[in-house]
Amino acid sequence: MFERELNSGADIVVGIREHKQRWAEIVFSAVSIAVWHIQDPLCGMKGYRLELLKKASTFDTYGSIGTEFLIRAFRSGCAIHELCIDTAARLGNSRFGSGIIVNIRILRSLFMGLVLARPF
């Protein structure tokens, strides 16, 4: 699926999950739709056109690699395609943890994306 989108002209392909795990992800998605027109920027399922890496040179200035790169690509006018993906119920604990601290980190990433993410 993702390869087909990249071969048809997408610079980045982003998965759209049916359910978000945390309330901060819901807030992030709502803001993202309004500002960047991207439904699920926190989804880890992404495909990238490798040429973008050369343009970006550095793309992890605030510890949210995939999300920062995606926002910068949007601001650079890159073609971003989205695909609905199926997800399975989580087995075990999240590698990011749970609770208020994780939600604060997600909201921090949103704030940093709004303020710091610059075009390539």
N, C-alpha and C. Protein backbone atom coordinates (compact mmCIF):
# COMPACT_ATOMS: atom_id res chain seq x y z
N MET A 1 0.80 -1.20 0.00
CA MET A 1 0.00 0.00 0.00
C MET A 1 0.85 1.26 0.00
N PHE A 2 1.76 1.35 0.94
CA PHE A 2 2.56 2.56 1.07
C PHE A 2 3.47 2.72 -0.14
N GLU A 3 4.04 1.62 -0.60
CA GLU A 3 4.93 1.67 -1.77
C GLU A 3 4.18 2.18 -2.99
N ARG A 4 2.96 1.74 -3.16
CA ARG A 4 2.16 2.20 -4.29
C ARG A 4 1.95 3.72 -4.23
N GLU A 5 1.67 4.24 -3.05
CA GLU A 5 1.48 5.68 -2.89
C GLU A 5 2.77 6.45 -3.17
N LEU A 6 3.89 5.94 -2.67
CA LEU A 6 5.17 6.60 -2.94
C LEU A 6 5.50 6.56 -4.43
N ASN A 7 5.20 5.44 -5.08
CA ASN A 7 5.46 5.33 -6.52
C ASN A 7 4.52 6.21 -7.35
N SER A 8 3.39 6.60 -6.77
CA SER A 8 2.44 7.43 -7.51
C SER A 8 2.61 8.92 -7.22
N GLY A 9 3.68 9.28 -6.52
CA GLY A 9 3.98 10.70 -6.34
C GLY A 9 4.00 11.23 -4.92
N ALA A 10 3.65 10.43 -3.95
CA ALA A 10 3.68 10.90 -2.56
C ALA A 10 5.14 11.05 -2.10
N ASP A 11 5.39 12.10 -1.34
CA ASP A 11 6.70 12.26 -0.71
C ASP A 11 6.72 11.54 0.64
N ILE A 12 5.57 11.57 1.32
CA ILE A 12 5.40 10.87 2.60
C ILE A 12 4.02 10.24 2.60
N VAL A 13 3.95 9.03 3.12
CA VAL A 13 2.67 8.35 3.32
C VAL A 13 2.51 8.13 4.82
N VAL A 14 1.36 8.51 5.34
CA VAL A 14 1.11 8.43 6.78
C VAL A 14 -0.09 7.53 7.03
N GLY A 15 0.07 6.62 7.98
CA GLY A 15 -1.05 5.77 8.38
C GLY A 15 -2.04 6.54 9.23
N ILE A 16 -3.29 6.15 9.13
CA ILE A 16 -4.34 6.72 9.97
C ILE A 16 -4.92 5.59 10.80
N ARG A 17 -4.72 5.67 12.10
CA ARG A 17 -5.26 4.65 13.01
C ARG A 17 -6.72 4.94 13.33
N GLU A 18 -7.46 3.89 13.54
CA GLU A 18 -8.88 4.05 13.87
C GLU A 18 -9.06 4.58 15.30
N HIS A 19 -8.20 4.14 16.21
CA HIS A 19 -8.31 4.54 17.61
C HIS A 19 -6.99 5.11 18.10
N LYS A 20 -7.06 6.14 18.90
CA LYS A 20 -5.87 6.72 19.53
C LYS A 20 -5.76 6.12 20.93
N GLN A 21 -4.55 5.96 21.43
CA GLN A 21 -4.31 5.34 22.72
C GLN A 21 -4.46 6.31 23.89
N ARG A 22 -4.20 7.60 23.66
CA ARG A 22 -4.16 8.57 24.76
C ARG A 22 -4.97 9.81 24.40
N TRP A 23 -5.43 10.52 25.42
CA TRP A 23 -6.22 11.72 25.16
C TRP A 23 -5.39 12.80 24.48
N ALA A 24 -4.10 12.89 24.78
CA ALA A 24 -3.26 13.90 24.14
C ALA A 24 -3.11 13.63 22.64
N GLU A 25 -3.18 12.38 22.22
CA GLU A 25 -3.13 12.04 20.79
C GLU A 25 -4.38 12.57 20.08
N ILE A 26 -5.51 12.53 20.76
CA ILE A 26 -6.75 13.06 20.19
C ILE A 26 -6.64 14.57 20.02
N VAL A 27 -6.10 15.26 21.03
CA VAL A 27 -5.90 16.70 20.94
C VAL A 27 -4.92 17.02 19.82
N PHE A 28 -3.80 16.30 19.77
CA PHE A 28 -2.78 16.51 18.74
C PHE A 28 -3.41 16.34 17.36
N SER A 29 -4.19 15.30 17.17
CA SER A 29 -4.81 15.04 15.87
C SER A 29 -5.78 16.16 15.48
N ALA A 30 -6.57 16.64 16.42
CA ALA A 30 -7.52 17.71 16.13
C ALA A 30 -6.80 18.98 15.67
N VAL A 31 -5.74 19.33 16.38
CA VAL A 31 -4.96 20.51 15.99
C VAL A 31 -4.28 20.27 14.64
N SER A 32 -3.75 19.10 14.45
CA SER A 32 -3.06 18.75 13.21
C SER A 32 -3.99 18.84 11.99
N ILE A 33 -5.21 18.37 12.15
CA ILE A 33 -6.17 18.46 11.05
C ILE A 33 -6.43 19.93 10.71
N ALA A 34 -6.60 20.76 11.72
CA ALA A 34 -6.89 22.17 11.50
C ALA A 34 -5.70 22.93 10.90
N VAL A 35 -4.50 22.61 11.34
CA VAL A 35 -3.32 23.39 10.93
C VAL A 35 -2.60 22.80 9.73
N TRP A 36 -2.38 21.48 9.73
CA TRP A 36 -1.57 20.85 8.69
C TRP A 36 -2.37 19.93 7.77
N HIS A 37 -3.64 19.72 8.08
CA HIS A 37 -4.51 18.84 7.27
C HIS A 37 -4.01 17.39 7.28
N ILE A 38 -3.43 16.98 8.40
CA ILE A 38 -2.93 15.62 8.57
C ILE A 38 -3.69 15.00 9.75
N GLN A 39 -4.32 13.86 9.50
CA GLN A 39 -5.21 13.27 10.50
C GLN A 39 -4.51 12.59 11.67
N ASP A 40 -3.39 11.91 11.43
CA ASP A 40 -2.76 11.13 12.49
C ASP A 40 -1.24 11.23 12.42
N PRO A 41 -0.70 12.42 12.68
CA PRO A 41 0.75 12.60 12.54
C PRO A 41 1.58 11.78 13.52
N LEU A 42 0.97 11.31 14.59
CA LEU A 42 1.71 10.52 15.58
C LEU A 42 1.77 9.04 15.23
N CYS A 43 1.05 8.63 14.20
CA CYS A 43 1.09 7.24 13.80
C CYS A 43 2.52 6.89 13.38
N GLY A 44 3.02 5.80 13.89
CA GLY A 44 4.38 5.39 13.56
C GLY A 44 4.51 4.75 12.19
N MET A 45 3.40 4.43 11.58
CA MET A 45 3.42 3.81 10.25
C MET A 45 3.52 4.92 9.20
N LYS A 46 4.73 5.13 8.72
CA LYS A 46 4.98 6.16 7.72
C LYS A 46 5.92 5.61 6.66
N GLY A 47 5.79 6.11 5.45
CA GLY A 47 6.72 5.80 4.38
C GLY A 47 7.27 7.11 3.85
N TYR A 48 8.57 7.14 3.57
CA TYR A 48 9.24 8.37 3.16
C TYR A 48 9.95 8.20 1.82
N ARG A 49 9.91 9.23 1.02
CA ARG A 49 10.73 9.30 -0.18
C ARG A 49 12.13 9.69 0.31
N LEU A 50 13.11 8.87 0.00
CA LEU A 50 14.45 9.07 0.55
C LEU A 50 15.08 10.40 0.16
N GLU A 51 14.70 10.96 -0.97
CA GLU A 51 15.26 12.25 -1.39
C GLU A 51 14.96 13.35 -0.37
N LEU A 52 13.87 13.17 0.39
CA LEU A 52 13.54 14.18 1.40
C LEU A 52 14.58 14.26 2.50
N LEU A 53 15.19 13.13 2.81
CA LEU A 53 16.21 13.13 3.86
C LEU A 53 17.38 14.03 3.50
N LYS A 54 17.73 14.05 2.22
CA LYS A 54 18.81 14.92 1.77
C LYS A 54 18.41 16.38 1.89
N LYS A 55 17.17 16.69 1.58
CA LYS A 55 16.69 18.07 1.70
C LYS A 55 16.69 18.54 3.15
N ALA A 56 16.29 17.65 4.02
CA ALA A 56 16.09 18.03 5.42
C ALA A 56 17.39 18.20 6.17
N SER A 57 18.42 17.49 5.81
CA SER A 57 19.72 17.43 6.48
C SER A 57 19.56 17.05 7.96
N THR A 58 18.97 17.88 8.77
CA THR A 58 18.71 17.53 10.17
C THR A 58 17.21 17.64 10.40
N PHE A 59 16.66 16.70 11.14
CA PHE A 59 15.21 16.73 11.32
C PHE A 59 14.76 16.24 12.68
N ASP A 60 15.63 16.27 13.65
CA ASP A 60 15.22 15.91 15.01
C ASP A 60 15.75 16.96 15.96
N THR A 61 15.10 18.12 15.96
CA THR A 61 15.56 19.20 16.82
C THR A 61 14.89 19.22 18.19
N TYR A 62 13.77 18.48 18.33
CA TYR A 62 13.10 18.50 19.63
C TYR A 62 12.60 17.13 20.08
N GLY A 63 13.19 16.05 19.57
CA GLY A 63 12.91 14.71 20.07
C GLY A 63 11.61 14.09 19.62
N SER A 64 11.16 14.46 18.45
CA SER A 64 9.94 13.86 17.90
C SER A 64 10.17 13.64 16.40
N ILE A 65 11.09 12.76 16.09
CA ILE A 65 11.65 12.61 14.75
C ILE A 65 10.60 12.54 13.65
N GLY A 66 9.77 11.52 13.65
CA GLY A 66 8.81 11.33 12.55
C GLY A 66 7.80 12.45 12.44
N THR A 67 7.34 12.94 13.58
CA THR A 67 6.34 14.00 13.58
C THR A 67 6.95 15.32 13.11
N GLU A 68 8.12 15.66 13.59
CA GLU A 68 8.78 16.89 13.16
C GLU A 68 9.07 16.85 11.67
N PHE A 69 9.57 15.72 11.19
CA PHE A 69 9.87 15.59 9.76
C PHE A 69 8.60 15.76 8.93
N LEU A 70 7.50 15.19 9.39
CA LEU A 70 6.23 15.30 8.68
C LEU A 70 5.74 16.74 8.63
N ILE A 71 5.81 17.45 9.73
CA ILE A 71 5.38 18.85 9.76
C ILE A 71 6.26 19.70 8.85
N ARG A 72 7.56 19.48 8.91
CA ARG A 72 8.47 20.23 8.04
C ARG A 72 8.19 19.93 6.57
N ALA A 73 7.89 18.68 6.26
CA ALA A 73 7.55 18.32 4.88
C ALA A 73 6.29 19.03 4.43
N PHE A 74 5.28 19.08 5.28
CA PHE A 74 4.05 19.81 4.96
C PHE A 74 4.37 21.27 4.68
N ARG A 75 5.14 21.89 5.55
CA ARG A 75 5.48 23.31 5.38
C ARG A 75 6.36 23.56 4.16
N SER A 76 6.98 22.52 3.66
CA SER A 76 7.82 22.63 2.45
C SER A 76 7.03 22.35 1.18
N GLY A 77 5.74 22.06 1.33
CA GLY A 77 4.91 21.80 0.16
C GLY A 77 5.01 20.39 -0.39
N CYS A 78 5.51 19.46 0.39
CA CYS A 78 5.64 18.07 -0.06
C CYS A 78 4.26 17.42 -0.18
N ALA A 79 4.18 16.43 -1.05
CA ALA A 79 2.94 15.67 -1.23
C ALA A 79 2.82 14.64 -0.12
N ILE A 80 1.80 14.80 0.72
CA ILE A 80 1.58 13.89 1.83
C ILE A 80 0.27 13.15 1.58
N HIS A 81 0.37 11.83 1.52
CA HIS A 81 -0.81 10.99 1.33
C HIS A 81 -1.08 10.25 2.63
N GLU A 82 -2.34 9.96 2.89
CA GLU A 82 -2.72 9.24 4.10
C GLU A 82 -3.50 7.99 3.72
N LEU A 83 -3.28 6.93 4.49
CA LEU A 83 -3.97 5.66 4.27
C LEU A 83 -4.49 5.12 5.60
N CYS A 84 -5.72 4.67 5.60
CA CYS A 84 -6.25 4.01 6.80
C CYS A 84 -5.52 2.68 6.98
N ILE A 85 -5.16 2.40 8.21
CA ILE A 85 -4.47 1.14 8.51
C ILE A 85 -5.24 0.40 9.60
N ASP A 86 -5.12 -0.90 9.59
CA ASP A 86 -5.70 -1.72 10.65
C ASP A 86 -4.69 -1.84 11.77
N THR A 87 -5.18 -1.75 12.98
CA THR A 87 -4.30 -1.94 14.14
C THR A 87 -4.88 -3.03 15.02
N ALA A 88 -4.02 -3.70 15.72
CA ALA A 88 -4.42 -4.74 16.65
C ALA A 88 -4.38 -4.18 18.07
N ALA A 89 -5.09 -4.80 18.96
CA ALA A 89 -5.04 -4.39 20.36
C ALA A 89 -3.61 -4.56 20.87
N ARG A 90 -3.18 -3.61 21.70
CA ARG A 90 -1.82 -3.65 22.24
C ARG A 90 -1.65 -4.85 23.16
N LEU A 91 -0.55 -5.54 22.98
CA LEU A 91 -0.17 -6.62 23.89
C LEU A 91 0.94 -6.10 24.78
N GLY A 92 0.73 -6.11 26.05
CA GLY A 92 1.76 -5.62 26.95
C GLY A 92 1.68 -4.12 27.12
N ASN A 93 2.75 -3.57 27.68
CA ASN A 93 2.81 -2.14 27.96
C ASN A 93 3.40 -1.36 26.80
N SER A 94 3.02 -0.12 26.71
CA SER A 94 3.58 0.78 25.70
C SER A 94 5.04 1.06 26.03
N ARG A 95 5.85 1.18 25.00
CA ARG A 95 7.27 1.52 25.24
C ARG A 95 7.42 2.96 25.70
N PHE A 96 6.38 3.78 25.49
CA PHE A 96 6.41 5.17 25.94
C PHE A 96 5.86 5.35 27.34
N GLY A 97 5.26 4.29 27.88
CA GLY A 97 4.68 4.37 29.21
C GLY A 97 3.23 4.84 29.16
N SER A 98 2.72 5.20 30.32
CA SER A 98 1.34 5.66 30.41
C SER A 98 1.25 6.76 31.45
N GLY A 99 0.09 7.34 31.56
CA GLY A 99 -0.13 8.36 32.58
C GLY A 99 0.08 9.77 32.06
N ILE A 100 0.06 10.69 32.97
CA ILE A 100 0.09 12.12 32.64
C ILE A 100 1.40 12.54 31.97
N ILE A 101 2.51 11.95 32.37
CA ILE A 101 3.81 12.34 31.81
C ILE A 101 3.85 12.11 30.31
N VAL A 102 3.36 10.99 29.85
CA VAL A 102 3.34 10.69 28.41
C VAL A 102 2.45 11.68 27.68
N ASN A 103 1.29 11.99 28.25
CA ASN A 103 0.40 12.96 27.62
C ASN A 103 1.04 14.34 27.55
N ILE A 104 1.77 14.72 28.56
CA ILE A 104 2.49 16.00 28.55
C ILE A 104 3.56 15.99 27.46
N ARG A 105 4.27 14.89 27.31
CA ARG A 105 5.30 14.80 26.25
C ARG A 105 4.67 14.94 24.87
N ILE A 106 3.50 14.34 24.68
CA ILE A 106 2.81 14.45 23.39
C ILE A 106 2.39 15.90 23.14
N LEU A 107 1.84 16.56 24.15
CA LEU A 107 1.43 17.96 23.99
C LEU A 107 2.64 18.87 23.78
N ARG A 108 3.76 18.53 24.41
CA ARG A 108 5.00 19.29 24.18
C ARG A 108 5.42 19.16 22.72
N SER A 109 5.33 17.96 22.18
CA SER A 109 5.67 17.74 20.79
C SER A 109 4.77 18.56 19.87
N LEU A 110 3.50 18.63 20.20
CA LEU A 110 2.57 19.45 19.42
C LEU A 110 2.99 20.92 19.47
N PHE A 111 3.25 21.43 20.65
CA PHE A 111 3.68 22.82 20.80
C PHE A 111 4.96 23.08 20.01
N MET A 112 5.93 22.19 20.12
CA MET A 112 7.20 22.37 19.42
C MET A 112 6.98 22.34 17.90
N GLY A 113 6.10 21.47 17.43
CA GLY A 113 5.79 21.41 16.01
C GLY A 113 5.17 22.71 15.52
N LEU A 114 4.29 23.27 16.32
CA LEU A 114 3.64 24.53 15.95
C LEU A 114 4.63 25.68 15.91
N VAL A 115 5.57 25.67 16.84
CA VAL A 115 6.49 26.79 16.99
C VAL A 115 7.80 26.63 16.24
N LEU A 116 8.39 25.43 16.27
CA LEU A 116 9.76 25.28 15.80
C LEU A 116 9.93 24.63 14.43
N ALA A 117 9.02 23.78 14.02
CA ALA A 117 9.24 23.02 12.78
C ALA A 117 9.21 23.95 11.57
N ARG A 118 10.34 24.07 10.92
CA ARG A 118 10.51 24.96 9.77
C ARG A 118 10.59 24.16 8.48
N PRO A 119 10.26 24.78 7.35
CA PRO A 119 10.41 24.08 6.06
C PRO A 119 11.85 23.64 5.84
N PHE A 120 12.03 22.71 4.94
CA PHE A 120 13.38 22.24 4.61
C PHE A 120 14.18 23.34 3.95
